[in-house]
Amino acid sequence: MTDIMVEQAVIDFILTNKKDYRVSTSCSGPVVVPTEMKAPKESDLQIKVGDFILYISRVQARYISKVTADMLDPSRYLSCSYY
């Protein structure tokens, strides 16, 4: 569960935007969102990306082996009525 890889496109995205992100659950599956949108939890895994942190929810960490560029797609969370 702690050996989750991060695609270079996601690393580049985080470094370009200069902020922390979190892999969270949406109605369309795992999604990478800014921590301003979905605050990290104490139970999250943390992956250092330059000066920033990519948090991964414990729920998602059970099911994913890689954080991929398709998880950056805002339609994955904008289409959910509860966001």
C-alpha atoms as a PDB file:
ATOM      1  CA  MET A   1       0.000   0.000   0.000  1.00  0.00           C
ATOM      2  CA  THR A   2       2.919   2.408   0.487  1.00  0.00           C
ATOM      3  CA  ASP A   3       4.559   1.674  -2.876  1.00  0.00           C
ATOM      4  CA  ILE A   4       2.307   3.925  -4.934  1.00  0.00           C
ATOM      5  CA  MET A   5       3.987   5.343  -8.028  1.00  0.00           C
ATOM      6  CA  VAL A   6       3.254   8.840  -9.370  1.00  0.00           C
ATOM      7  CA  GLU A   7       3.312   9.482 -13.121  1.00  0.00           C
ATOM      8  CA  GLN A   8       5.675  12.205 -14.305  1.00  0.00           C
ATOM      9  CA  ALA A   9       2.722  14.195 -15.694  1.00  0.00           C
ATOM     10  CA  VAL A  10       1.242  14.392 -12.178  1.00  0.00           C
ATOM     11  CA  ILE A  11       4.599  15.389 -10.699  1.00  0.00           C
ATOM     12  CA  ASP A  12       4.956  18.111 -13.345  1.00  0.00           C
ATOM     13  CA  PHE A  13       1.412  19.325 -12.648  1.00  0.00           C
ATOM     14  CA  ILE A  14       2.065  19.641  -8.912  1.00  0.00           C
ATOM     15  CA  LEU A  15       5.396  21.412  -9.420  1.00  0.00           C
ATOM     16  CA  THR A  16       3.885  23.811 -11.976  1.00  0.00           C
ATOM     17  CA  ASN A  17       0.928  24.708  -9.750  1.00  0.00           C
ATOM     18  CA  LYS A  18       3.078  24.972  -6.600  1.00  0.00           C
ATOM     19  CA  LYS A  19       0.617  23.587  -4.085  1.00  0.00           C
ATOM     20  CA  ASP A  20      -0.301  20.432  -2.190  1.00  0.00           C
ATOM     21  CA  TYR A  21      -2.817  18.010  -3.678  1.00  0.00           C
ATOM     22  CA  ARG A  22      -4.822  15.049  -2.443  1.00  0.00           C
ATOM     23  CA  VAL A  23      -5.964  11.846  -4.134  1.00  0.00           C
ATOM     24  CA  SER A  24      -9.520  11.564  -2.972  1.00  0.00           C
ATOM     25  CA  THR A  25     -12.677   9.648  -3.816  1.00  0.00           C
ATOM     26  CA  SER A  26     -15.231  11.052  -6.238  1.00  0.00           C
ATOM     27  CA  CYS A  27     -18.313   9.593  -7.851  1.00  0.00           C
ATOM     28  CA  SER A  28     -16.117   8.853 -10.895  1.00  0.00           C
ATOM     29  CA  GLY A  29     -13.272   7.204  -8.994  1.00  0.00           C
ATOM     30  CA  PRO A  30      -9.970   8.519  -7.641  1.00  0.00           C
ATOM     31  CA  VAL A  31      -9.283  12.173  -8.362  1.00  0.00           C
ATOM     32  CA  VAL A  32      -6.404  14.564  -7.652  1.00  0.00           C
ATOM     33  CA  VAL A  33      -7.716  17.784  -6.112  1.00  0.00           C
ATOM     34  CA  PRO A  34      -6.082  20.751  -4.393  1.00  0.00           C
ATOM     35  CA  THR A  35      -6.016  20.497  -0.614  1.00  0.00           C
ATOM     36  CA  GLU A  36      -8.082  23.698  -0.526  1.00  0.00           C
ATOM     37  CA  MET A  37     -10.909  21.661  -2.022  1.00  0.00           C
ATOM     38  CA  LYS A  38     -10.418  18.491   0.009  1.00  0.00           C
ATOM     39  CA  ALA A  39      -8.308  18.865   3.142  1.00  0.00           C
ATOM     40  CA  PRO A  40      -5.853  16.095   3.996  1.00  0.00           C
ATOM     41  CA  LYS A  41      -6.557  13.752   6.887  1.00  0.00           C
ATOM     42  CA  GLU A  42      -4.110  12.468   9.467  1.00  0.00           C
ATOM     43  CA  SER A  43      -4.556   8.965   8.071  1.00  0.00           C
ATOM     44  CA  ASP A  44      -3.488   9.950   4.528  1.00  0.00           C
ATOM     45  CA  LEU A  45      -0.297   8.630   2.992  1.00  0.00           C
ATOM     46  CA  GLN A  46       2.115  11.395   2.042  1.00  0.00           C
ATOM     47  CA  ILE A  47       4.344  11.503  -1.021  1.00  0.00           C
ATOM     48  CA  LYS A  48       6.845  14.334  -1.250  1.00  0.00           C
ATOM     49  CA  VAL A  49       6.870  16.062  -4.655  1.00  0.00           C
ATOM     50  CA  GLY A  50       9.548  18.741  -4.589  1.00  0.00           C
ATOM     51  CA  ASP A  51       8.517  21.203  -1.877  1.00  0.00           C
ATOM     52  CA  PHE A  52       4.930  19.941  -1.968  1.00  0.00           C
ATOM     53  CA  ILE A  53       2.992  16.950  -0.704  1.00  0.00           C
ATOM     54  CA  LEU A  54       0.638  14.635  -2.540  1.00  0.00           C
ATOM     55  CA  TYR A  55      -1.705  13.176   0.045  1.00  0.00           C
ATOM     56  CA  ILE A  56      -3.420   9.880  -0.727  1.00  0.00           C
ATOM     57  CA  SER A  57      -6.503   8.912   1.193  1.00  0.00           C
ATOM     58  CA  ARG A  58      -6.261   5.553   2.967  1.00  0.00           C
ATOM     59  CA  VAL A  59      -9.400   4.478   1.114  1.00  0.00           C
ATOM     60  CA  GLN A  60      -7.824   5.101  -2.298  1.00  0.00           C
ATOM     61  CA  ALA A  61      -4.429   3.744  -1.228  1.00  0.00           C
ATOM     62  CA  ARG A  62      -5.991   0.296  -0.909  1.00  0.00           C
ATOM     63  CA  TYR A  63      -7.045   0.268  -4.551  1.00  0.00           C
ATOM     64  CA  ILE A  64      -4.473   2.182  -6.579  1.00  0.00           C
ATOM     65  CA  SER A  65      -0.868   1.368  -7.409  1.00  0.00           C
ATOM     66  CA  LYS A  66      -0.192   4.513  -9.453  1.00  0.00           C
ATOM     67  CA  VAL A  67      -1.381   8.129  -9.486  1.00  0.00           C
ATOM     68  CA  THR A  68      -2.060   8.815 -13.159  1.00  0.00           C
ATOM     69  CA  ALA A  69      -2.704  11.893 -15.291  1.00  0.00           C
ATOM     70  CA  ASP A  70      -6.335  10.909 -15.878  1.00  0.00           C
ATOM     71  CA  MET A  71      -6.930  11.521 -12.148  1.00  0.00           C
ATOM     72  CA  LEU A  72      -6.239  15.228 -12.808  1.00  0.00           C
ATOM     73  CA  ASP A  73      -9.405  15.556 -14.912  1.00  0.00           C
ATOM     74  CA  PRO A  74     -11.712  18.084 -13.170  1.00  0.00           C
ATOM     75  CA  SER A  75     -14.787  16.504 -14.756  1.00  0.00           C
ATOM     76  CA  ARG A  76     -14.274  13.640 -12.310  1.00  0.00           C
ATOM     77  CA  TYR A  77     -15.304  15.870  -9.407  1.00  0.00           C
ATOM     78  CA  LEU A  78     -17.161  18.776 -11.030  1.00  0.00           C
ATOM     79  CA  SER A  79     -19.893  16.453 -12.259  1.00  0.00           C
ATOM     80  CA  CYS A  80     -20.585  15.151  -8.747  1.00  0.00           C
ATOM     81  CA  SER A  81     -23.577  16.795  -7.138  1.00  0.00           C
ATOM     82  CA  TYR A  82     -22.021  16.723  -3.651  1.00  0.00           C
ATOM     83  CA  TYR A  83     -18.931  18.815  -4.576  1.00  0.00           C
END
